[in-house]
């Protein structure tokens, strides 16, 4: 199941309506973006391969030293056989992270995940043209499922007057709701709070305001 299939048409409609309602009174643009993961993380496969090959070699040593004592087991002394076993262990180790997100996360440092998520969010900010508003009042709510990360990124017109701790509070509440399985509710609440902050800071809608960015969820 791809990421879009996790959302029903009603879910997508609710998120769109939340954006539309939040923007009804403000001059800003709110853009929700969700990705399955922020990077492919091939480094996890490399690490898995090294671990798998090392374990295979260690198992060969244990079998030779402590379990298989008969002289007829000369195959364990064949360099070609040992090489094949180690290679097989490496191949299996490299493949496992592709089937288990839990193992893949264990093989990737939190710092590296944070870096990749930030880079992906910045790329999405540019690709979705959140910066391309007349008054530089775009806000992006970025959710990356694999890393369990949420980033609220605002353009310079907003960041000049909104403190980071306000975005951090929104992030905290979105993550809390997502962990409870309330993905749509989390986005609706985050979108509404972003709208409230802009309204509080004076970004009120004027007569010549237009909807510069569409309201749908970007997946």
N, C-alpha and C. Protein backbone atom coordinates (compact mmCIF):
# COMPACT_ATOMS: atom_id res chain seq x y z
N UNK A 1 0.85 -1.19 0.00
CA UNK A 1 0.00 0.00 0.00
C UNK A 1 0.89 1.25 0.00
N UNK A 2 0.67 2.11 -1.01
CA UNK A 2 1.45 3.34 -1.02
C UNK A 2 0.82 4.36 -0.07
N UNK A 3 1.54 5.44 0.14
CA UNK A 3 1.14 6.40 1.16
C UNK A 3 -0.23 7.02 0.87
N UNK A 4 -0.50 7.34 -0.39
CA UNK A 4 -1.78 7.98 -0.72
C UNK A 4 -2.96 7.07 -0.40
N UNK A 5 -2.78 5.75 -0.53
CA UNK A 5 -3.87 4.83 -0.27
C UNK A 5 -4.24 4.74 1.21
N UNK A 6 -3.39 5.29 2.07
CA UNK A 6 -3.71 5.32 3.49
C UNK A 6 -4.76 6.36 3.82
N UNK A 7 -5.02 7.26 2.86
CA UNK A 7 -6.00 8.32 3.07
C UNK A 7 -7.21 8.08 2.17
N UNK A 8 -8.39 8.11 2.77
CA UNK A 8 -9.62 8.01 1.98
C UNK A 8 -9.91 9.36 1.33
N UNK A 9 -10.84 9.35 0.40
CA UNK A 9 -11.24 10.61 -0.23
C UNK A 9 -11.81 11.57 0.82
N UNK A 10 -12.49 11.01 1.81
CA UNK A 10 -13.04 11.86 2.87
C UNK A 10 -11.92 12.47 3.70
N UNK A 11 -10.86 11.70 3.96
CA UNK A 11 -9.71 12.22 4.70
C UNK A 11 -9.09 13.40 3.96
N UNK A 12 -8.87 13.22 2.66
CA UNK A 12 -8.26 14.27 1.85
C UNK A 12 -9.15 15.51 1.81
N UNK A 13 -10.46 15.27 1.75
CA UNK A 13 -11.41 16.39 1.72
C UNK A 13 -11.38 17.15 3.05
N UNK A 14 -11.30 16.42 4.15
CA UNK A 14 -11.26 17.07 5.47
C UNK A 14 -10.02 17.95 5.61
N UNK A 15 -8.89 17.44 5.14
CA UNK A 15 -7.65 18.22 5.23
C UNK A 15 -7.73 19.46 4.35
N UNK A 16 -8.28 19.29 3.16
CA UNK A 16 -8.44 20.43 2.25
C UNK A 16 -9.35 21.49 2.87
N UNK A 17 -10.45 21.05 3.48
CA UNK A 17 -11.37 21.99 4.11
C UNK A 17 -10.73 22.69 5.31
N UNK A 18 -9.86 21.98 6.02
CA UNK A 18 -9.17 22.59 7.15
C UNK A 18 -8.25 23.72 6.68
N UNK A 19 -7.56 23.49 5.57
CA UNK A 19 -6.69 24.53 5.00
C UNK A 19 -7.53 25.71 4.54
N UNK A 20 -8.62 25.40 3.85
CA UNK A 20 -9.49 26.46 3.34
C UNK A 20 -10.07 27.30 4.47
N UNK A 21 -10.49 26.63 5.55
CA UNK A 21 -11.07 27.35 6.70
C UNK A 21 -10.01 28.21 7.39
N UNK A 22 -8.79 27.68 7.53
CA UNK A 22 -7.73 28.42 8.20
C UNK A 22 -7.32 29.65 7.40
N UNK A 23 -7.36 29.54 6.07
CA UNK A 23 -6.93 30.65 5.22
C UNK A 23 -8.04 31.67 4.96
N UNK A 24 -9.23 31.38 5.46
CA UNK A 24 -10.38 32.24 5.18
C UNK A 24 -10.20 33.64 5.74
N UNK A 25 -9.48 33.75 6.88
CA UNK A 25 -9.33 35.05 7.54
C UNK A 25 -7.91 35.59 7.52
N UNK A 26 -6.98 34.83 6.93
CA UNK A 26 -5.57 35.23 6.99
C UNK A 26 -5.00 35.47 5.60
N UNK A 27 -3.90 36.18 5.55
CA UNK A 27 -3.24 36.45 4.27
C UNK A 27 -2.16 35.40 3.95
N UNK A 28 -1.98 34.43 4.84
CA UNK A 28 -0.97 33.40 4.63
C UNK A 28 -1.49 32.21 3.85
N UNK A 29 -0.55 31.34 3.44
CA UNK A 29 -0.87 30.11 2.73
C UNK A 29 -0.31 28.94 3.55
N UNK A 30 -1.14 27.94 3.82
CA UNK A 30 -0.74 26.78 4.61
C UNK A 30 -0.69 25.56 3.70
N UNK A 31 0.45 24.90 3.70
CA UNK A 31 0.68 23.77 2.79
C UNK A 31 1.04 22.52 3.59
N UNK A 32 0.13 21.52 3.68
CA UNK A 32 0.47 20.26 4.36
C UNK A 32 1.14 19.29 3.38
N UNK A 33 2.25 18.71 3.81
CA UNK A 33 3.01 17.77 2.98
C UNK A 33 3.32 16.53 3.80
N UNK A 34 3.08 15.35 3.22
CA UNK A 34 3.38 14.09 3.90
C UNK A 34 4.22 13.22 2.98
N UNK A 35 5.30 12.63 3.52
CA UNK A 35 6.12 11.69 2.76
C UNK A 35 6.26 10.40 3.56
N UNK A 36 6.47 9.29 2.84
CA UNK A 36 6.68 8.00 3.49
C UNK A 36 7.98 8.00 4.26
N UNK A 37 9.04 8.50 3.61
CA UNK A 37 10.36 8.63 4.23
C UNK A 37 11.10 9.75 3.55
N UNK A 38 12.09 10.30 4.22
CA UNK A 38 12.81 11.46 3.68
C UNK A 38 14.02 11.08 2.86
N UNK A 39 14.41 9.80 2.88
CA UNK A 39 15.56 9.33 2.08
C UNK A 39 15.46 7.82 1.95
N UNK A 40 16.25 7.25 1.05
CA UNK A 40 16.25 5.80 0.87
C UNK A 40 17.08 5.10 1.94
N UNK A 41 18.07 5.79 2.48
CA UNK A 41 18.92 5.25 3.55
C UNK A 41 19.63 3.96 3.15
N UNK A 42 20.31 4.00 2.03
CA UNK A 42 21.07 2.82 1.58
C UNK A 42 22.19 2.48 2.55
N UNK A 43 22.58 3.44 3.39
CA UNK A 43 23.61 3.17 4.39
C UNK A 43 23.19 2.04 5.33
N UNK A 44 21.88 1.89 5.54
CA UNK A 44 21.39 0.81 6.40
C UNK A 44 21.68 -0.54 5.76
N UNK A 45 21.58 -0.62 4.44
CA UNK A 45 21.88 -1.87 3.74
C UNK A 45 23.36 -2.21 3.82
N UNK A 46 24.21 -1.17 3.70
CA UNK A 46 25.65 -1.40 3.82
C UNK A 46 26.00 -1.91 5.21
N UNK A 47 25.43 -1.26 6.22
CA UNK A 47 25.71 -1.70 7.59
C UNK A 47 25.16 -3.11 7.84
N UNK A 48 23.97 -3.38 7.31
CA UNK A 48 23.38 -4.71 7.46
C UNK A 48 24.24 -5.77 6.80
N UNK A 49 24.81 -5.42 5.65
CA UNK A 49 25.68 -6.36 4.94
C UNK A 49 26.92 -6.68 5.76
N UNK A 50 27.54 -5.67 6.33
CA UNK A 50 28.73 -5.88 7.15
C UNK A 50 28.42 -6.72 8.39
N UNK A 51 27.29 -6.42 9.02
CA UNK A 51 26.90 -7.18 10.21
C UNK A 51 26.60 -8.62 9.85
N UNK A 52 25.86 -8.82 8.74
CA UNK A 52 25.51 -10.18 8.30
C UNK A 52 26.74 -11.00 7.96
N UNK A 53 27.68 -10.40 7.23
CA UNK A 53 28.91 -11.11 6.86
C UNK A 53 29.73 -11.45 8.10
N UNK A 54 29.81 -10.49 9.04
CA UNK A 54 30.58 -10.73 10.26
C UNK A 54 29.97 -11.85 11.09
N UNK A 55 28.64 -11.85 11.21
CA UNK A 55 27.96 -12.91 11.98
C UNK A 55 28.17 -14.27 11.33
N UNK A 56 28.10 -14.31 10.00
CA UNK A 56 28.31 -15.58 9.29
C UNK A 56 29.71 -16.12 9.57
N UNK A 57 30.70 -15.25 9.55
CA UNK A 57 32.08 -15.67 9.81
C UNK A 57 32.25 -16.15 11.26
N UNK A 58 31.62 -15.43 12.20
CA UNK A 58 31.70 -15.81 13.61
C UNK A 58 31.04 -17.17 13.84
N UNK A 59 29.90 -17.39 13.18
CA UNK A 59 29.21 -18.68 13.31
C UNK A 59 30.08 -19.81 12.78
N UNK A 60 30.77 -19.57 11.67
CA UNK A 60 31.68 -20.57 11.12
C UNK A 60 32.78 -20.93 12.13
N UNK A 61 33.32 -19.93 12.80
CA UNK A 61 34.37 -20.16 13.79
C UNK A 61 33.83 -20.97 14.96
N UNK A 62 32.63 -20.60 15.45
CA UNK A 62 32.02 -21.31 16.58
C UNK A 62 31.75 -22.77 16.23
N UNK A 63 31.21 -23.00 15.04
CA UNK A 63 30.94 -24.37 14.60
C UNK A 63 32.23 -25.18 14.53
N UNK A 64 33.26 -24.57 14.01
CA UNK A 64 34.55 -25.27 13.86
C UNK A 64 35.20 -25.57 15.20
N UNK A 65 35.18 -24.59 16.11
CA UNK A 65 35.90 -24.72 17.37
C UNK A 65 35.16 -25.56 18.42
N UNK A 66 33.82 -25.40 18.48
CA UNK A 66 33.11 -25.94 19.64
C UNK A 66 32.02 -26.96 19.33
N UNK A 67 31.61 -27.08 18.07
CA UNK A 67 30.48 -27.96 17.77
C UNK A 67 30.89 -29.12 16.86
N UNK A 68 31.43 -28.82 15.70
CA UNK A 68 31.80 -29.86 14.75
C UNK A 68 33.24 -30.29 15.00
N UNK A 69 33.38 -31.49 15.56
CA UNK A 69 34.71 -31.95 15.94
C UNK A 69 35.24 -33.08 15.05
N UNK A 70 34.37 -33.66 14.22
CA UNK A 70 34.81 -34.78 13.39
C UNK A 70 35.73 -34.29 12.28
N UNK A 71 36.72 -35.09 11.99
CA UNK A 71 37.69 -34.74 10.95
C UNK A 71 37.09 -34.74 9.56
N UNK A 72 35.92 -35.41 9.45
CA UNK A 72 35.29 -35.48 8.12
C UNK A 72 34.72 -34.15 7.67
N UNK A 73 34.56 -33.18 8.59
CA UNK A 73 33.98 -31.89 8.26
C UNK A 73 35.03 -30.94 7.66
N UNK A 74 35.73 -31.44 6.69
CA UNK A 74 36.80 -30.66 6.09
C UNK A 74 36.28 -29.50 5.24
N UNK A 75 34.98 -29.55 4.91
CA UNK A 75 34.41 -28.48 4.11
C UNK A 75 34.55 -27.12 4.81
N UNK A 76 34.53 -27.15 6.13
CA UNK A 76 34.62 -25.91 6.89
C UNK A 76 36.00 -25.27 6.82
N UNK A 77 36.95 -26.02 6.29
CA UNK A 77 38.30 -25.48 6.13
C UNK A 77 38.56 -25.04 4.69
N UNK A 78 37.57 -25.21 3.84
CA UNK A 78 37.71 -24.83 2.44
C UNK A 78 37.51 -23.31 2.32
N UNK A 79 38.53 -22.58 1.90
CA UNK A 79 38.40 -21.11 1.80
C UNK A 79 37.24 -20.68 0.90
N UNK A 80 37.00 -21.41 -0.18
CA UNK A 80 35.91 -21.06 -1.09
C UNK A 80 34.56 -21.18 -0.39
N UNK A 81 34.39 -22.24 0.42
CA UNK A 81 33.14 -22.44 1.15
C UNK A 81 32.95 -21.33 2.19
N UNK A 82 34.01 -21.03 2.91
CA UNK A 82 33.94 -19.96 3.91
C UNK A 82 33.58 -18.63 3.25
N UNK A 83 34.19 -18.37 2.10
CA UNK A 83 33.92 -17.13 1.36
C UNK A 83 32.44 -17.06 0.95
N UNK A 84 31.91 -18.18 0.45
CA UNK A 84 30.50 -18.20 0.02
C UNK A 84 29.55 -17.98 1.19
N UNK A 85 29.86 -18.58 2.34
CA UNK A 85 29.02 -18.41 3.52
C UNK A 85 29.02 -16.95 3.98
N UNK A 86 30.20 -16.35 3.99
CA UNK A 86 30.32 -14.95 4.40
C UNK A 86 29.57 -14.03 3.43
N UNK A 87 29.71 -14.31 2.12
CA UNK A 87 28.98 -13.52 1.11
C UNK A 87 27.48 -13.67 1.29
N UNK A 88 27.02 -14.90 1.52
CA UNK A 88 25.58 -15.14 1.72
C UNK A 88 25.08 -14.37 2.95
N UNK A 89 25.88 -14.40 4.02
CA UNK A 89 25.50 -13.65 5.22
C UNK A 89 25.40 -12.17 4.93
N UNK A 90 26.33 -11.65 4.10
CA UNK A 90 26.29 -10.23 3.73
C UNK A 90 25.08 -9.88 2.91
N UNK A 91 24.72 -10.76 1.97
CA UNK A 91 23.55 -10.52 1.12
C UNK A 91 22.27 -10.51 1.95
N UNK A 92 22.14 -11.47 2.86
CA UNK A 92 20.96 -11.53 3.73
C UNK A 92 20.90 -10.30 4.63
N UNK A 93 22.06 -9.94 5.19
CA UNK A 93 22.11 -8.76 6.06
C UNK A 93 21.73 -7.48 5.33
N UNK A 94 22.13 -7.38 4.06
CA UNK A 94 21.81 -6.19 3.28
C UNK A 94 20.32 -6.13 2.93
N UNK A 95 19.69 -7.30 2.78
CA UNK A 95 18.29 -7.34 2.36
C UNK A 95 17.31 -7.09 3.51
N UNK A 96 17.68 -7.50 4.71
CA UNK A 96 16.75 -7.42 5.85
C UNK A 96 16.20 -6.01 6.09
N UNK A 97 17.02 -4.93 6.04
CA UNK A 97 16.47 -3.59 6.28
C UNK A 97 15.37 -3.18 5.30
N UNK A 98 15.34 -3.82 4.11
CA UNK A 98 14.29 -3.49 3.14
C UNK A 98 12.93 -4.03 3.56
N UNK A 99 12.91 -4.98 4.49
CA UNK A 99 11.66 -5.61 4.91
C UNK A 99 11.26 -5.23 6.33
N UNK A 100 12.11 -4.49 7.02
CA UNK A 100 11.80 -4.12 8.40
C UNK A 100 12.24 -2.68 8.67
N UNK A 101 11.26 -1.80 8.83
CA UNK A 101 11.58 -0.41 9.16
C UNK A 101 12.23 -0.30 10.54
N UNK A 102 11.86 -1.19 11.45
CA UNK A 102 12.43 -1.16 12.80
C UNK A 102 13.94 -1.39 12.74
N UNK A 103 14.34 -2.42 11.98
CA UNK A 103 15.78 -2.72 11.86
C UNK A 103 16.48 -1.60 11.11
N UNK A 104 15.84 -1.07 10.07
CA UNK A 104 16.46 0.01 9.31
C UNK A 104 16.72 1.22 10.20
N UNK A 105 15.77 1.55 11.06
CA UNK A 105 15.97 2.68 11.97
C UNK A 105 17.13 2.42 12.93
N UNK A 106 17.25 1.18 13.38
CA UNK A 106 18.34 0.84 14.31
C UNK A 106 19.71 1.01 13.67
N UNK A 107 19.76 0.88 12.35
CA UNK A 107 21.04 0.97 11.64
C UNK A 107 21.38 2.39 11.19
N UNK A 108 20.45 3.33 11.46
CA UNK A 108 20.67 4.73 11.05
C UNK A 108 20.65 5.61 12.30
N UNK A 109 21.63 6.45 12.45
CA UNK A 109 21.68 7.31 13.62
C UNK A 109 20.54 8.33 13.59
N UNK A 110 20.10 8.73 14.77
CA UNK A 110 19.04 9.73 14.88
C UNK A 110 19.47 11.05 14.25
N UNK A 111 20.73 11.37 14.42
CA UNK A 111 21.26 12.61 13.86
C UNK A 111 21.17 12.60 12.33
N UNK A 112 21.48 11.46 11.72
CA UNK A 112 21.42 11.36 10.25
C UNK A 112 19.97 11.43 9.76
N UNK A 113 19.06 10.80 10.49
CA UNK A 113 17.65 10.87 10.14
C UNK A 113 17.15 12.32 10.21
N UNK A 114 17.55 13.03 11.27
CA UNK A 114 17.15 14.43 11.42
C UNK A 114 17.67 15.27 10.24
N UNK A 115 18.92 15.01 9.85
CA UNK A 115 19.52 15.75 8.74
C UNK A 115 18.78 15.51 7.44
N UNK A 116 18.47 14.24 7.16
CA UNK A 116 17.78 13.89 5.92
C UNK A 116 16.35 14.45 5.90
N UNK A 117 15.70 14.44 7.06
CA UNK A 117 14.33 14.97 7.14
C UNK A 117 14.33 16.47 6.89
N UNK A 118 15.29 17.17 7.49
CA UNK A 118 15.40 18.62 7.29
C UNK A 118 15.66 18.94 5.82
N UNK A 119 16.55 18.19 5.18
CA UNK A 119 16.85 18.43 3.77
C UNK A 119 15.63 18.16 2.89
N UNK A 120 14.92 17.08 3.19
CA UNK A 120 13.72 16.74 2.42
C UNK A 120 12.65 17.82 2.59
N UNK A 121 12.50 18.32 3.82
CA UNK A 121 11.52 19.38 4.09
C UNK A 121 11.88 20.65 3.32
N UNK A 122 13.15 20.98 3.31
CA UNK A 122 13.60 22.18 2.58
C UNK A 122 13.36 22.03 1.08
N UNK A 123 13.59 20.83 0.56
CA UNK A 123 13.33 20.58 -0.86
C UNK A 123 11.84 20.70 -1.17
N UNK A 124 11.01 20.15 -0.26
CA UNK A 124 9.56 20.24 -0.45
C UNK A 124 9.09 21.69 -0.40
N UNK A 125 9.69 22.47 0.48
CA UNK A 125 9.34 23.89 0.61
C UNK A 125 9.56 24.61 -0.73
N UNK A 126 10.64 24.23 -1.42
CA UNK A 126 10.94 24.84 -2.72
C UNK A 126 10.06 24.26 -3.82
N UNK A 127 9.92 22.93 -3.84
CA UNK A 127 9.16 22.28 -4.90
C UNK A 127 7.69 22.67 -4.89
N UNK A 128 7.14 22.82 -3.69
CA UNK A 128 5.73 23.21 -3.57
C UNK A 128 5.54 24.72 -3.62
N UNK A 129 6.66 25.45 -3.81
CA UNK A 129 6.65 26.91 -3.96
C UNK A 129 5.99 27.62 -2.78
N UNK A 130 6.25 27.09 -1.58
CA UNK A 130 5.69 27.72 -0.38
C UNK A 130 6.27 29.12 -0.22
N UNK A 131 7.46 29.33 -0.75
CA UNK A 131 8.12 30.64 -0.68
C UNK A 131 7.52 31.64 -1.67
N UNK A 132 6.77 31.13 -2.63
CA UNK A 132 6.33 31.97 -3.75
C UNK A 132 4.97 32.60 -3.46
N UNK A 133 4.90 33.37 -2.39
CA UNK A 133 3.68 34.12 -2.09
C UNK A 133 4.02 35.61 -2.07
N UNK A 134 3.05 36.41 -2.31
CA UNK A 134 3.28 37.84 -2.49
C UNK A 134 3.93 38.49 -1.27
N UNK A 135 3.48 38.11 -0.09
CA UNK A 135 4.00 38.73 1.14
C UNK A 135 4.95 37.80 1.90
N UNK A 136 5.39 36.72 1.26
CA UNK A 136 6.28 35.74 1.89
C UNK A 136 5.65 35.21 3.18
N UNK A 137 4.38 34.78 3.06
CA UNK A 137 3.64 34.32 4.23
C UNK A 137 3.17 32.87 4.07
N UNK A 138 4.04 32.03 3.51
CA UNK A 138 3.71 30.61 3.38
C UNK A 138 4.17 29.81 4.59
N UNK A 139 3.37 28.81 4.95
CA UNK A 139 3.73 27.88 6.03
C UNK A 139 3.58 26.46 5.51
N UNK A 140 4.57 25.63 5.76
CA UNK A 140 4.48 24.21 5.39
C UNK A 140 4.49 23.34 6.64
N UNK A 141 3.52 22.42 6.70
CA UNK A 141 3.51 21.40 7.75
C UNK A 141 4.00 20.12 7.08
N UNK A 142 5.19 19.67 7.46
CA UNK A 142 5.86 18.54 6.80
C UNK A 142 5.89 17.35 7.74
N UNK A 143 5.36 16.22 7.28
CA UNK A 143 5.33 15.00 8.08
C UNK A 143 6.08 13.90 7.33
N UNK A 144 7.07 13.30 7.99
CA UNK A 144 7.81 12.17 7.41
C UNK A 144 7.59 10.96 8.32
N UNK A 145 6.88 9.94 7.81
CA UNK A 145 6.44 8.84 8.66
C UNK A 145 7.58 7.96 9.17
N UNK A 146 8.49 7.57 8.29
CA UNK A 146 9.55 6.65 8.69
C UNK A 146 10.35 7.19 9.86
N UNK A 147 10.72 8.47 9.78
CA UNK A 147 11.54 9.08 10.82
C UNK A 147 10.74 9.53 12.04
N UNK A 148 9.40 9.45 11.93
CA UNK A 148 8.53 9.94 13.01
C UNK A 148 8.83 11.41 13.31
N UNK A 149 8.95 12.18 12.23
CA UNK A 149 9.31 13.60 12.40
C UNK A 149 8.26 14.51 11.77
N UNK A 150 8.07 15.65 12.42
CA UNK A 150 7.20 16.71 11.90
C UNK A 150 7.98 18.00 11.94
N UNK A 151 7.91 18.76 10.85
CA UNK A 151 8.57 20.06 10.79
C UNK A 151 7.56 21.10 10.33
N UNK A 152 7.45 22.19 11.06
CA UNK A 152 6.66 23.33 10.61
C UNK A 152 7.64 24.39 10.13
N UNK A 153 7.57 24.71 8.86
CA UNK A 153 8.53 25.64 8.25
C UNK A 153 7.78 26.84 7.68
N UNK A 154 8.14 28.01 8.13
CA UNK A 154 7.46 29.23 7.68
C UNK A 154 8.41 30.12 6.89
N UNK A 155 7.85 30.90 5.98
CA UNK A 155 8.65 31.82 5.18
C UNK A 155 9.07 33.02 6.03
N UNK A 156 9.97 33.82 5.48
CA UNK A 156 10.59 34.89 6.25
C UNK A 156 9.61 35.96 6.71
N UNK A 157 8.54 36.18 5.95
CA UNK A 157 7.56 37.18 6.36
C UNK A 157 6.89 36.83 7.67
N UNK A 158 6.78 35.54 7.97
CA UNK A 158 6.16 35.07 9.21
C UNK A 158 7.20 34.88 10.31
N UNK A 159 8.33 34.30 9.95
CA UNK A 159 9.35 34.00 10.95
C UNK A 159 9.87 35.24 11.68
N UNK A 160 9.73 36.38 11.04
CA UNK A 160 10.18 37.62 11.67
C UNK A 160 9.39 37.95 12.93
N UNK A 161 8.17 37.47 13.03
CA UNK A 161 7.31 37.86 14.15
C UNK A 161 6.81 36.67 14.98
N UNK A 162 7.11 35.45 14.56
CA UNK A 162 6.64 34.27 15.30
C UNK A 162 7.84 33.55 15.91
N UNK A 163 7.76 33.27 17.21
CA UNK A 163 8.85 32.59 17.90
C UNK A 163 8.86 31.10 17.59
N UNK A 164 10.04 30.50 17.60
CA UNK A 164 10.19 29.09 17.28
C UNK A 164 9.41 28.20 18.25
N UNK A 165 9.30 28.62 19.50
CA UNK A 165 8.62 27.79 20.49
C UNK A 165 7.14 27.58 20.14
N UNK A 166 6.56 28.50 19.37
CA UNK A 166 5.17 28.33 18.95
C UNK A 166 5.05 27.22 17.92
N UNK A 167 6.01 27.16 17.00
CA UNK A 167 6.03 26.06 16.02
C UNK A 167 6.32 24.74 16.72
N UNK A 168 7.22 24.76 17.69
CA UNK A 168 7.58 23.55 18.42
C UNK A 168 6.37 22.96 19.15
N UNK A 169 5.52 23.82 19.66
CA UNK A 169 4.33 23.35 20.36
C UNK A 169 3.37 22.67 19.39
N UNK A 170 3.23 23.24 18.20
CA UNK A 170 2.38 22.63 17.17
C UNK A 170 2.94 21.28 16.77
N UNK A 171 4.25 21.20 16.58
CA UNK A 171 4.91 19.94 16.22
C UNK A 171 4.65 18.89 17.29
N UNK A 172 4.80 19.27 18.54
CA UNK A 172 4.59 18.34 19.66
C UNK A 172 3.18 17.76 19.62
N UNK A 173 2.20 18.59 19.41
CA UNK A 173 0.81 18.14 19.43
C UNK A 173 0.48 17.29 18.22
N UNK A 174 1.06 17.61 17.05
CA UNK A 174 0.84 16.80 15.86
C UNK A 174 1.41 15.40 16.06
N UNK A 175 2.63 15.32 16.56
CA UNK A 175 3.28 14.02 16.79
C UNK A 175 2.48 13.20 17.79
N UNK A 176 2.01 13.84 18.85
CA UNK A 176 1.23 13.15 19.87
C UNK A 176 -0.02 12.52 19.27
N UNK A 177 -0.72 13.27 18.43
CA UNK A 177 -1.95 12.76 17.81
C UNK A 177 -1.65 11.65 16.81
N UNK A 178 -0.57 11.79 16.03
CA UNK A 178 -0.22 10.76 15.06
C UNK A 178 0.12 9.45 15.77
N UNK A 179 0.80 9.53 16.90
CA UNK A 179 1.13 8.33 17.67
C UNK A 179 -0.12 7.63 18.17
N UNK A 180 -1.20 8.38 18.34
CA UNK A 180 -2.48 7.80 18.76
C UNK A 180 -3.32 7.35 17.57
N UNK A 181 -2.70 7.38 16.37
CA UNK A 181 -3.40 6.93 15.16
C UNK A 181 -4.35 7.94 14.57
N UNK A 182 -4.24 9.19 14.99
CA UNK A 182 -5.16 10.24 14.52
C UNK A 182 -4.42 11.16 13.54
N UNK A 183 -4.11 10.64 12.38
CA UNK A 183 -3.31 11.39 11.41
C UNK A 183 -4.09 12.59 10.87
N UNK A 184 -5.31 12.35 10.43
CA UNK A 184 -6.11 13.43 9.86
C UNK A 184 -6.41 14.49 10.91
N UNK A 185 -6.79 14.04 12.10
CA UNK A 185 -7.08 14.98 13.19
C UNK A 185 -5.84 15.80 13.54
N UNK A 186 -4.67 15.15 13.50
CA UNK A 186 -3.42 15.86 13.80
C UNK A 186 -3.17 16.97 12.80
N UNK A 187 -3.39 16.68 11.52
CA UNK A 187 -3.17 17.70 10.50
C UNK A 187 -4.21 18.82 10.61
N UNK A 188 -5.46 18.44 10.84
CA UNK A 188 -6.51 19.46 10.99
C UNK A 188 -6.17 20.41 12.14
N UNK A 189 -5.76 19.85 13.26
CA UNK A 189 -5.42 20.67 14.43
C UNK A 189 -4.21 21.55 14.14
N UNK A 190 -3.17 20.98 13.51
CA UNK A 190 -1.97 21.76 13.20
C UNK A 190 -2.26 22.89 12.24
N UNK A 191 -3.08 22.62 11.24
CA UNK A 191 -3.45 23.65 10.26
C UNK A 191 -4.22 24.77 10.95
N UNK A 192 -5.16 24.38 11.80
CA UNK A 192 -5.97 25.38 12.51
C UNK A 192 -5.09 26.25 13.42
N UNK A 193 -4.14 25.63 14.11
CA UNK A 193 -3.26 26.39 14.99
C UNK A 193 -2.35 27.35 14.22
N UNK A 194 -1.89 26.91 13.05
CA UNK A 194 -1.08 27.81 12.21
C UNK A 194 -1.90 29.03 11.81
N UNK A 195 -3.16 28.79 11.44
CA UNK A 195 -4.04 29.89 11.08
C UNK A 195 -4.27 30.84 12.23
N UNK A 196 -4.44 30.27 13.44
CA UNK A 196 -4.66 31.10 14.63
C UNK A 196 -3.45 31.97 14.94
N UNK A 197 -2.25 31.40 14.76
CA UNK A 197 -1.03 32.18 15.02
C UNK A 197 -0.93 33.35 14.06
N UNK A 198 -1.20 33.11 12.79
CA UNK A 198 -1.12 34.19 11.80
C UNK A 198 -2.15 35.27 12.08
N UNK A 199 -3.34 34.84 12.49
CA UNK A 199 -4.39 35.81 12.81
C UNK A 199 -3.98 36.65 14.02
N UNK A 200 -3.39 35.96 15.00
CA UNK A 200 -2.94 36.65 16.22
C UNK A 200 -1.82 37.65 15.92
N UNK A 201 -0.97 37.34 14.94
CA UNK A 201 0.16 38.21 14.61
C UNK A 201 -0.21 39.29 13.58
N UNK A 202 -1.48 39.35 13.21
CA UNK A 202 -1.93 40.44 12.35
C UNK A 202 -1.92 40.16 10.86
N UNK A 203 -1.75 38.90 10.48
CA UNK A 203 -1.76 38.56 9.04
C UNK A 203 -3.20 38.35 8.59
N UNK A 204 -3.96 39.41 8.62
CA UNK A 204 -5.38 39.32 8.27
C UNK A 204 -5.59 39.44 6.76
N UNK A 205 -6.60 38.78 6.30
CA UNK A 205 -6.91 38.77 4.87
C UNK A 205 -7.42 40.14 4.44
N UNK A 206 -6.92 40.58 3.30
CA UNK A 206 -7.36 41.86 2.75
C UNK A 206 -8.19 41.62 1.49
N UNK A 207 -8.78 42.67 1.00
CA UNK A 207 -9.68 42.54 -0.13
C UNK A 207 -9.03 42.02 -1.40
N UNK A 208 -7.75 42.25 -1.58
CA UNK A 208 -7.09 41.83 -2.81
C UNK A 208 -6.32 40.52 -2.67
N UNK A 209 -6.53 39.83 -1.54
CA UNK A 209 -5.86 38.53 -1.34
C UNK A 209 -6.46 37.47 -2.25
N UNK A 210 -5.61 36.61 -2.78
CA UNK A 210 -6.05 35.48 -3.59
C UNK A 210 -5.45 34.20 -3.02
N UNK A 211 -6.04 33.07 -3.38
CA UNK A 211 -5.52 31.78 -2.93
C UNK A 211 -4.36 31.41 -3.85
N UNK A 212 -3.14 31.70 -3.40
CA UNK A 212 -1.96 31.55 -4.26
C UNK A 212 -1.47 30.11 -4.39
N UNK A 213 -1.76 29.28 -3.40
CA UNK A 213 -1.35 27.86 -3.42
C UNK A 213 -2.58 27.00 -3.13
N UNK A 214 -2.73 25.90 -3.87
CA UNK A 214 -3.95 25.09 -3.70
C UNK A 214 -3.98 24.45 -2.31
N UNK A 215 -5.16 24.05 -1.87
CA UNK A 215 -5.39 23.63 -0.50
C UNK A 215 -5.22 22.13 -0.24
N UNK A 216 -4.99 21.33 -1.28
CA UNK A 216 -4.94 19.89 -1.10
C UNK A 216 -3.69 19.44 -0.37
N UNK A 217 -3.81 18.27 0.28
CA UNK A 217 -2.66 17.63 0.91
C UNK A 217 -1.69 17.16 -0.17
N UNK A 218 -0.41 17.47 0.00
CA UNK A 218 0.62 16.97 -0.92
C UNK A 218 1.17 15.67 -0.35
N UNK A 219 1.10 14.61 -1.13
CA UNK A 219 1.58 13.30 -0.69
C UNK A 219 2.70 12.86 -1.61
